[in-house]
Amino acid sequence: MSNYELMVVFTPVLSEEDYKASQKKYTAFIKENGGEVVHENPWGLKSLAYPIQKKTTGLYWVLDYNAPSDFNEKLKIQILRDENVLRFMATKLDKYAVEYNAKKRSGAPTGNEKVEA
């Protein structure tokens, strides 16, 4: 099992219920295929750097999960079939990224904080 981070940008025209239903759909898909959800972080509505499908905003969602290495291809197929997804990116995390994310979630100092002078 490897650690991954998934960032999905959903279309901004989704209602709050549809946005949450899409999140639950993907977390359930991960669990059904032998994965484990570590952390979920819905960022909400954010501006895009450039227009995608004539939209300038998107609903962002970040998910940390553990899964077998062959799972990501199944996840990619599911996401590409979903018309509510504008963009997505799945990244494999190394042990340092996993440690950094855990520290950041717990509120412990990560070493990247700005020093007040």
C-alpha atoms as a PDB file:
ATOM      1  CA  MET A   1       0.000   0.000   0.000  1.00  0.00           C
ATOM      2  CA  SER A   2       1.309   3.394  -1.006  1.00  0.00           C
ATOM      3  CA  ASN A   3       0.336   6.870   0.125  1.00  0.00           C
ATOM      4  CA  TYR A   4      -1.316   9.197  -2.367  1.00  0.00           C
ATOM      5  CA  GLU A   5      -2.814  12.665  -2.510  1.00  0.00           C
ATOM      6  CA  LEU A   6      -5.700  13.393  -4.848  1.00  0.00           C
ATOM      7  CA  MET A   7      -6.758  16.909  -5.782  1.00  0.00           C
ATOM      8  CA  VAL A   8      -9.990  17.272  -7.719  1.00  0.00           C
ATOM      9  CA  VAL A   9     -11.490  20.443  -9.181  1.00  0.00           C
ATOM     10  CA  PHE A  10     -15.239  20.057  -9.581  1.00  0.00           C
ATOM     11  CA  THR A  11     -17.394  22.303 -11.746  1.00  0.00           C
ATOM     12  CA  PRO A  12     -18.615  25.365  -9.801  1.00  0.00           C
ATOM     13  CA  VAL A  13     -22.255  24.879 -10.810  1.00  0.00           C
ATOM     14  CA  LEU A  14     -22.667  21.935  -8.398  1.00  0.00           C
ATOM     15  CA  SER A  15     -24.979  22.416  -5.450  1.00  0.00           C
ATOM     16  CA  GLU A  16     -23.609  21.809  -1.961  1.00  0.00           C
ATOM     17  CA  GLU A  17     -25.403  18.428  -1.830  1.00  0.00           C
ATOM     18  CA  ASP A  18     -23.948  17.321  -5.190  1.00  0.00           C
ATOM     19  CA  TYR A  19     -20.470  18.452  -4.123  1.00  0.00           C
ATOM     20  CA  LYS A  20     -20.668  16.380  -0.934  1.00  0.00           C
ATOM     21  CA  ALA A  21     -22.204  13.423  -2.808  1.00  0.00           C
ATOM     22  CA  SER A  22     -19.292  13.438  -5.267  1.00  0.00           C
ATOM     23  CA  GLN A  23     -16.817  13.462  -2.373  1.00  0.00           C
ATOM     24  CA  LYS A  24     -18.597  10.521  -0.724  1.00  0.00           C
ATOM     25  CA  LYS A  25     -18.659   8.639  -4.030  1.00  0.00           C
ATOM     26  CA  TYR A  26     -14.876   8.773  -4.378  1.00  0.00           C
ATOM     27  CA  THR A  27     -14.143   7.989  -0.717  1.00  0.00           C
ATOM     28  CA  ALA A  28     -16.486   4.987  -0.961  1.00  0.00           C
ATOM     29  CA  PHE A  29     -14.767   3.890  -4.182  1.00  0.00           C
ATOM     30  CA  ILE A  30     -11.385   3.976  -2.449  1.00  0.00           C
ATOM     31  CA  LYS A  31     -12.678   1.935   0.490  1.00  0.00           C
ATOM     32  CA  GLU A  32     -14.398  -0.620  -1.795  1.00  0.00           C
ATOM     33  CA  ASN A  33     -11.115  -1.283  -3.600  1.00  0.00           C
ATOM     34  CA  GLY A  34      -9.043  -1.966  -0.494  1.00  0.00           C
ATOM     35  CA  GLY A  35      -7.845   1.571   0.172  1.00  0.00           C
ATOM     36  CA  GLU A  36      -8.016   3.699   3.290  1.00  0.00           C
ATOM     37  CA  VAL A  37      -8.880   7.395   3.495  1.00  0.00           C
ATOM     38  CA  VAL A  38      -6.355   9.204   5.699  1.00  0.00           C
ATOM     39  CA  HIS A  39      -7.597  12.797   5.488  1.00  0.00           C
ATOM     40  CA  GLU A  40     -10.186  14.770   3.561  1.00  0.00           C
ATOM     41  CA  ASN A  41     -10.008  18.536   3.015  1.00  0.00           C
ATOM     42  CA  PRO A  42     -12.725  20.306   0.998  1.00  0.00           C
ATOM     43  CA  TRP A  43     -11.326  23.714   0.045  1.00  0.00           C
ATOM     44  CA  GLY A  44     -14.544  24.962  -1.501  1.00  0.00           C
ATOM     45  CA  LEU A  45     -14.881  27.540  -4.268  1.00  0.00           C
ATOM     46  CA  LYS A  46     -11.578  29.003  -5.523  1.00  0.00           C
ATOM     47  CA  SER A  47     -10.511  30.955  -8.594  1.00  0.00           C
ATOM     48  CA  LEU A  48      -8.770  29.033 -11.360  1.00  0.00           C
ATOM     49  CA  ALA A  49      -5.447  30.209 -12.778  1.00  0.00           C
ATOM     50  CA  TYR A  50      -6.937  30.016 -16.279  1.00  0.00           C
ATOM     51  CA  PRO A  51     -10.439  29.295 -17.624  1.00  0.00           C
ATOM     52  CA  ILE A  52     -11.386  25.629 -18.024  1.00  0.00           C
ATOM     53  CA  GLN A  53     -14.487  24.902 -20.113  1.00  0.00           C
ATOM     54  CA  LYS A  54     -15.304  28.640 -19.941  1.00  0.00           C
ATOM     55  CA  LYS A  55     -15.368  28.533 -16.114  1.00  0.00           C
ATOM     56  CA  THR A  56     -13.132  30.768 -13.993  1.00  0.00           C
ATOM     57  CA  THR A  57     -13.833  29.136 -10.597  1.00  0.00           C
ATOM     58  CA  GLY A  58     -13.946  25.577  -9.320  1.00  0.00           C
ATOM     59  CA  LEU A  59     -14.789  23.565  -6.206  1.00  0.00           C
ATOM     60  CA  TYR A  60     -11.519  22.145  -4.888  1.00  0.00           C
ATOM     61  CA  TRP A  61     -11.194  18.947  -2.854  1.00  0.00           C
ATOM     62  CA  VAL A  62      -7.985  17.366  -1.507  1.00  0.00           C
ATOM     63  CA  LEU A  63      -7.847  13.772  -0.271  1.00  0.00           C
ATOM     64  CA  ASP A  64      -4.982  11.799   1.295  1.00  0.00           C
ATOM     65  CA  TYR A  65      -5.359   8.029   1.004  1.00  0.00           C
ATOM     66  CA  ASN A  66      -3.509   4.712   1.088  1.00  0.00           C
ATOM     67  CA  ALA A  67      -4.177   2.226  -1.695  1.00  0.00           C
ATOM     68  CA  PRO A  68      -2.591  -0.589  -3.697  1.00  0.00           C
ATOM     69  CA  SER A  69      -0.498   0.633  -6.627  1.00  0.00           C
ATOM     70  CA  ASP A  70      -2.848  -0.793  -9.289  1.00  0.00           C
ATOM     71  CA  PHE A  71      -5.810   1.128  -7.833  1.00  0.00           C
ATOM     72  CA  ASN A  72      -4.933   4.506  -9.355  1.00  0.00           C
ATOM     73  CA  GLU A  73      -5.752   3.340 -12.873  1.00  0.00           C
ATOM     74  CA  LYS A  74      -9.268   2.345 -11.740  1.00  0.00           C
ATOM     75  CA  LEU A  75      -9.669   5.691  -9.990  1.00  0.00           C
ATOM     76  CA  LYS A  76      -8.515   7.553 -13.098  1.00  0.00           C
ATOM     77  CA  ILE A  77     -11.155   5.792 -15.214  1.00  0.00           C
ATOM     78  CA  GLN A  78     -13.888   6.689 -12.714  1.00  0.00           C
ATOM     79  CA  ILE A  79     -12.835  10.339 -12.564  1.00  0.00           C
ATOM     80  CA  LEU A  80     -12.569  10.693 -16.346  1.00  0.00           C
ATOM     81  CA  ARG A  81     -16.132   9.375 -16.680  1.00  0.00           C
ATOM     82  CA  ASP A  82     -17.442  12.015 -14.269  1.00  0.00           C
ATOM     83  CA  GLU A  83     -18.645  15.105 -16.130  1.00  0.00           C
ATOM     84  CA  ASN A  84     -18.600  17.169 -12.912  1.00  0.00           C
ATOM     85  CA  VAL A  85     -14.789  17.018 -12.718  1.00  0.00           C
ATOM     86  CA  LEU A  86     -12.858  19.785 -14.478  1.00  0.00           C
ATOM     87  CA  ARG A  87      -9.353  18.614 -13.511  1.00  0.00           C
ATOM     88  CA  PHE A  88      -7.711  16.135 -11.157  1.00  0.00           C
ATOM     89  CA  MET A  89      -4.242  15.131 -10.089  1.00  0.00           C
ATOM     90  CA  ALA A  90      -3.158  12.085  -8.100  1.00  0.00           C
ATOM     91  CA  THR A  91       0.332  12.251  -6.597  1.00  0.00           C
ATOM     92  CA  LYS A  92       2.286   9.502  -4.883  1.00  0.00           C
ATOM     93  CA  LEU A  93       3.664  10.766  -1.577  1.00  0.00           C
ATOM     94  CA  ASP A  94       7.069   9.810  -0.236  1.00  0.00           C
ATOM     95  CA  LYS A  95       7.680   9.300   3.487  1.00  0.00           C
ATOM     96  CA  TYR A  96       8.711  12.942   3.963  1.00  0.00           C
ATOM     97  CA  ALA A  97       5.512  14.265   2.398  1.00  0.00           C
ATOM     98  CA  VAL A  98       3.419  11.920   4.557  1.00  0.00           C
ATOM     99  CA  GLU A  99       5.259  13.121   7.665  1.00  0.00           C
ATOM    100  CA  TYR A 100       4.861  16.776   6.630  1.00  0.00           C
ATOM    101  CA  ASN A 101       1.108  16.364   6.004  1.00  0.00           C
ATOM    102  CA  ALA A 102       0.641  14.663   9.388  1.00  0.00           C
ATOM    103  CA  LYS A 103       2.501  17.485  11.168  1.00  0.00           C
ATOM    104  CA  LYS A 104       0.521  20.126   9.317  1.00  0.00           C
ATOM    105  CA  ARG A 105      -2.801  18.500  10.247  1.00  0.00           C
ATOM    106  CA  SER A 106      -1.846  18.176  13.912  1.00  0.00           C
ATOM    107  CA  GLY A 107      -0.665  21.790  14.169  1.00  0.00           C
ATOM    108  CA  ALA A 108       2.935  20.857  14.998  1.00  0.00           C
ATOM    109  CA  PRO A 109       5.667  23.109  13.567  1.00  0.00           C
ATOM    110  CA  THR A 110       6.689  21.972  10.095  1.00  0.00           C
ATOM    111  CA  GLY A 111       9.759  24.172   9.679  1.00  0.00           C
ATOM    112  CA  ASN A 112       8.157  26.304   6.955  1.00  0.00           C
ATOM    113  CA  GLU A 113       6.570  28.880   9.239  1.00  0.00           C
ATOM    114  CA  LYS A 114       7.381  32.556   8.808  1.00  0.00           C
ATOM    115  CA  VAL A 115       9.442  34.054  11.608  1.00  0.00           C
ATOM    116  CA  GLU A 116       8.152  37.291  13.094  1.00  0.00           C
ATOM    117  CA  ALA A 117      10.979  39.851  13.342  1.00  0.00           C
END
